[in-house]
Amino acid sequence: MYEDRRSDEPKDGEPPAPIGRAHLGDDLGRIISLSDGVFAFALTLLVLTLVVPTVDTSGPASAVSSRLGAKLGSDWQEFLGYAFAFVMIGLWWMIHHRTFRYIRRYDQILMWLNMLVLLEIAVMPFILSVFTTYSYTQVGVALFAFMQLVTGLTLNLIWRYAARNHRFIDATLPEAEIRYFANRGILPAVAFGLSIAVTFVNVNLAELLWFVPVVLNRFSDRYGVV
């Protein structure tokens, strides 16, 4: 006979779960499905920041083609911004995926922290539009960096909250590995935070700092540090 059992009820041999906000359950399927949907939708919306260029269509096709090529070439910053934002959302998704790979349970606080991450990801296409339009300004560059900063901090907070005293993660996960992921996850946020300060001096130099986390992550993978 089918047994109707809630996902948050204790399994055989497990202690009873706390009641109320302290514990809502261990079925993470809906949280992960919603998160993946928001990430996928944001990645799709990014392409709307690209606009088909308008050129003078008078004259022979070769002339129109030449003008179109020149116009596309002059829009290289928009294409680069789109590619970078796509990579960043992909990076945040991979960190999110890695984080919830270790999480076994959740509470209301963890759910709201995850919703905050989804809010930050969902607004990313708008932030990209501002950045690509005003990439030469301090505000445009700093706004893009600020959004990456808060997204990185929120994801890192989810890990630290879930992993503290093995609150919601696998009890067998070593403390050294917990600290490794916590410290490694803060690297992108630090780089973007520093770049915000640098925007007041030079916006191009600030943008170069955004690639620092990639180098540091490869360094930590290779040498087992951070």
Protein backbone atom coordinates (compact mmCIF):
# COMPACT_ATOMS: atom_id res chain seq x y z
CA MET A 1 0.00 0.00 0.00
CA TYR A 2 1.23 3.48 -0.81
CA GLU A 3 2.62 5.28 2.22
CA ASP A 4 1.97 9.01 2.30
CA ARG A 5 5.06 10.44 3.92
CA ARG A 6 6.27 14.01 3.91
CA SER A 7 9.84 14.65 2.79
CA ASP A 8 10.60 16.49 6.03
CA GLU A 9 9.60 13.59 8.30
CA PRO A 10 12.53 11.77 9.92
CA LYS A 11 13.69 8.60 8.24
CA ASP A 12 14.05 5.39 10.21
CA GLY A 13 16.83 5.71 12.74
CA GLU A 14 17.10 9.50 12.43
CA PRO A 15 16.25 11.91 15.26
CA PRO A 16 13.05 13.92 14.82
CA ALA A 17 13.50 17.14 12.89
CA PRO A 18 12.99 20.51 14.60
CA ILE A 19 9.59 22.09 14.08
CA GLY A 20 9.01 25.46 12.44
CA ARG A 21 11.58 27.67 10.78
CA ALA A 22 14.51 25.56 11.93
CA HIS A 23 13.72 22.83 9.40
CA LEU A 24 11.40 22.71 6.40
CA GLY A 25 12.53 19.53 4.71
CA ASP A 26 15.15 17.75 2.67
CA ASP A 27 13.47 17.68 -0.74
CA LEU A 28 15.63 20.16 -2.67
CA GLY A 29 14.08 19.35 -6.04
CA ARG A 30 11.84 22.40 -6.28
CA ILE A 31 14.56 24.79 -5.09
CA ILE A 32 17.04 23.50 -7.65
CA SER A 33 14.46 23.40 -10.46
CA LEU A 34 13.41 27.00 -9.82
CA SER A 35 17.04 28.10 -9.63
CA ASP A 36 18.02 26.38 -12.88
CA GLY A 37 15.00 27.94 -14.60
CA VAL A 38 15.96 31.47 -13.53
CA PHE A 39 19.58 30.97 -14.57
CA ALA A 40 18.50 29.62 -17.97
CA PHE A 41 16.02 32.47 -18.50
CA ALA A 42 18.64 35.09 -17.62
CA LEU A 43 21.12 33.53 -20.06
CA THR A 44 18.46 33.66 -22.78
CA LEU A 45 17.51 37.28 -22.06
CA LEU A 46 21.13 38.38 -22.41
CA VAL A 47 20.90 38.13 -26.18
CA LEU A 48 18.21 40.83 -26.18
CA THR A 49 20.90 43.31 -25.20
CA LEU A 50 22.31 42.88 -28.71
CA VAL A 51 20.66 45.14 -31.30
CA VAL A 52 20.76 44.59 -35.06
CA PRO A 53 22.68 47.57 -36.48
CA THR A 54 20.97 49.98 -38.85
CA VAL A 55 22.95 51.00 -41.93
CA ASP A 56 22.29 52.84 -45.14
CA THR A 57 20.96 50.26 -47.62
CA SER A 58 21.25 52.45 -50.69
CA GLY A 59 23.68 51.48 -53.43
CA PRO A 60 25.04 48.08 -54.47
CA ALA A 61 25.04 45.09 -52.15
CA SER A 62 28.82 45.24 -51.80
CA ALA A 63 28.59 48.77 -50.41
CA VAL A 64 25.84 47.80 -47.98
CA SER A 65 27.90 44.78 -46.90
CA SER A 66 30.91 47.00 -46.29
CA ARG A 67 28.91 49.42 -44.18
CA LEU A 68 27.34 46.56 -42.24
CA GLY A 69 30.71 45.00 -41.54
CA ALA A 70 32.08 48.32 -40.33
CA LYS A 71 29.08 48.85 -38.07
CA LEU A 72 29.35 45.36 -36.58
CA GLY A 73 33.04 45.92 -36.01
CA SER A 74 32.37 49.17 -34.18
CA ASP A 75 29.96 47.32 -31.86
CA TRP A 76 32.65 44.95 -30.56
CA GLN A 77 32.21 46.18 -26.99
CA GLU A 78 28.57 45.07 -26.98
CA PHE A 79 29.55 41.58 -28.16
CA LEU A 80 32.35 41.38 -25.62
CA GLY A 81 30.03 42.52 -22.82
CA TYR A 82 27.47 39.90 -23.82
CA ALA A 83 30.09 37.15 -23.83
CA PHE A 84 31.51 38.21 -20.47
CA ALA A 85 28.07 38.43 -18.83
CA PHE A 86 27.18 35.01 -20.25
CA VAL A 87 30.36 33.56 -18.77
CA MET A 88 29.71 35.22 -15.40
CA ILE A 89 26.16 33.89 -15.13
CA GLY A 90 27.51 30.48 -16.14
CA LEU A 91 30.16 30.77 -13.43
CA TRP A 92 27.56 31.69 -10.78
CA TRP A 93 25.43 28.74 -11.93
CA MET A 94 28.37 26.36 -11.54
CA ILE A 95 29.09 27.68 -8.05
CA HIS A 96 25.39 27.37 -7.19
CA HIS A 97 25.35 23.81 -8.54
CA ARG A 98 28.46 22.87 -6.59
CA THR A 99 27.05 24.39 -3.40
CA PHE A 100 23.75 22.53 -3.53
CA ARG A 101 25.52 19.31 -4.43
CA TYR A 102 26.64 19.18 -0.80
CA ILE A 103 23.51 20.59 0.83
CA ARG A 104 21.13 17.93 2.16
CA ARG A 105 18.48 19.98 3.98
CA TYR A 106 17.20 23.54 4.12
CA ASP A 107 15.34 26.01 6.27
CA GLN A 108 13.50 29.23 5.56
CA ILE A 109 16.63 31.37 5.83
CA LEU A 110 18.43 29.25 3.26
CA MET A 111 15.43 29.50 0.93
CA TRP A 112 15.39 33.30 1.15
CA LEU A 113 19.14 33.50 0.58
CA ASN A 114 18.65 31.42 -2.55
CA MET A 115 15.81 33.70 -3.67
CA LEU A 116 18.17 36.66 -3.25
CA VAL A 117 20.66 35.00 -5.59
CA LEU A 118 17.89 34.46 -8.14
CA LEU A 119 16.90 38.13 -7.90
CA GLU A 120 20.49 39.13 -8.62
CA ILE A 121 20.72 36.75 -11.58
CA ALA A 122 17.36 37.82 -13.03
CA VAL A 123 18.37 41.50 -13.09
CA MET A 124 21.70 40.75 -14.77
CA PRO A 125 20.46 41.35 -18.36
CA PHE A 126 19.38 44.88 -17.40
CA ILE A 127 22.73 45.52 -15.71
CA LEU A 128 24.47 44.32 -18.86
CA SER A 129 22.42 46.75 -20.99
CA VAL A 130 23.52 49.64 -18.80
CA PHE A 131 27.12 48.46 -18.92
CA THR A 132 27.33 48.01 -22.70
CA THR A 133 25.68 51.39 -23.29
CA TYR A 134 27.88 53.26 -20.82
CA SER A 135 30.97 51.05 -20.64
CA TYR A 136 33.21 54.11 -20.79
CA THR A 137 31.74 55.63 -17.61
CA GLN A 138 32.65 55.01 -13.98
CA VAL A 139 29.02 54.40 -12.99
CA GLY A 140 28.37 51.89 -15.80
CA VAL A 141 31.44 49.80 -14.99
CA ALA A 142 31.02 50.08 -11.21
CA LEU A 143 27.35 49.01 -11.43
CA PHE A 144 28.23 45.86 -13.34
CA ALA A 145 31.03 45.05 -10.89
CA PHE A 146 28.75 45.73 -7.92
CA MET A 147 26.16 43.24 -9.15
CA GLN A 148 28.84 40.55 -9.52
CA LEU A 149 30.14 41.46 -6.06
CA VAL A 150 26.79 41.01 -4.30
CA THR A 151 26.02 37.82 -6.25
CA GLY A 152 29.34 36.30 -5.22
CA LEU A 153 28.87 37.33 -1.60
CA THR A 154 25.34 35.91 -1.46
CA LEU A 155 26.42 32.56 -2.91
CA ASN A 156 29.30 32.45 -0.46
CA LEU A 157 26.91 33.27 2.39
CA ILE A 158 24.68 30.36 1.39
CA TRP A 159 27.64 28.00 1.64
CA ARG A 160 28.86 29.38 4.96
CA TYR A 161 25.37 29.30 6.45
CA ALA A 162 24.65 25.75 5.29
CA ALA A 163 28.10 24.42 6.20
CA ARG A 164 28.44 26.00 9.66
CA ASN A 165 28.70 23.14 12.13
CA HIS A 166 27.53 20.89 9.25
CA ARG A 167 24.10 22.47 9.63
CA PHE A 168 22.68 21.35 6.29
CA ILE A 169 25.53 19.52 4.58
CA ASP A 170 26.86 15.99 4.65
CA ALA A 171 28.17 15.29 8.17
CA THR A 172 31.16 13.43 6.71
CA LEU A 173 32.48 16.40 4.73
CA PRO A 174 35.90 17.35 6.20
CA GLU A 175 36.35 20.77 7.78
CA ALA A 176 39.34 21.45 5.52
CA GLU A 177 37.17 21.03 2.43
CA ILE A 178 34.47 23.27 3.91
CA ARG A 179 37.03 26.04 4.49
CA TYR A 180 38.50 25.51 1.02
CA PHE A 181 35.16 26.12 -0.72
CA ALA A 182 34.35 29.04 1.58
CA ASN A 183 37.67 30.78 0.88
CA ARG A 184 37.69 29.99 -2.82
CA GLY A 185 34.14 31.25 -3.23
CA ILE A 186 35.06 34.67 -1.88
CA LEU A 187 37.73 35.30 -4.56
CA PRO A 188 35.40 36.62 -7.29
CA ALA A 189 33.69 38.97 -4.84
CA VAL A 190 37.04 40.37 -3.67
CA ALA A 191 38.19 40.99 -7.24
CA PHE A 192 34.99 42.79 -8.22
CA GLY A 193 35.03 44.78 -4.99
CA LEU A 194 38.56 45.99 -5.72
CA SER A 195 37.58 46.86 -9.28
CA ILE A 196 34.85 49.20 -8.02
CA ALA A 197 37.47 51.25 -6.22
CA VAL A 198 39.70 51.24 -9.31
CA THR A 199 36.87 52.62 -11.50
CA PHE A 200 37.44 56.01 -9.88
CA VAL A 201 40.95 55.96 -11.36
CA ASN A 202 40.68 54.03 -14.63
CA VAL A 203 37.68 52.05 -15.89
CA ASN A 204 39.75 49.95 -18.33
CA LEU A 205 42.08 48.82 -15.56
CA ALA A 206 39.08 48.01 -13.39
CA GLU A 207 37.70 45.71 -16.07
CA LEU A 208 41.02 43.85 -16.24
CA LEU A 209 40.67 42.99 -12.55
CA TRP A 210 37.55 40.98 -13.37
CA PHE A 211 39.76 38.26 -14.83
CA VAL A 212 41.76 37.84 -11.62
CA PRO A 213 39.39 35.22 -10.10
CA VAL A 214 39.89 32.96 -13.14
CA VAL A 215 43.66 33.02 -12.64
CA LEU A 216 43.41 32.54 -8.88
CA ASN A 217 40.96 29.65 -9.21
CA ARG A 218 43.28 27.88 -11.62
CA PHE A 219 46.17 28.52 -9.23
CA SER A 220 44.22 27.07 -6.30
CA ASP A 221 43.22 24.01 -8.35
CA ARG A 222 46.77 23.33 -9.38
CA TYR A 223 48.54 23.93 -6.10
CA GLY A 224 45.79 23.12 -3.63
CA VAL A 225 45.86 26.46 -1.85
CA VAL A 226 43.29 29.12 -0.86
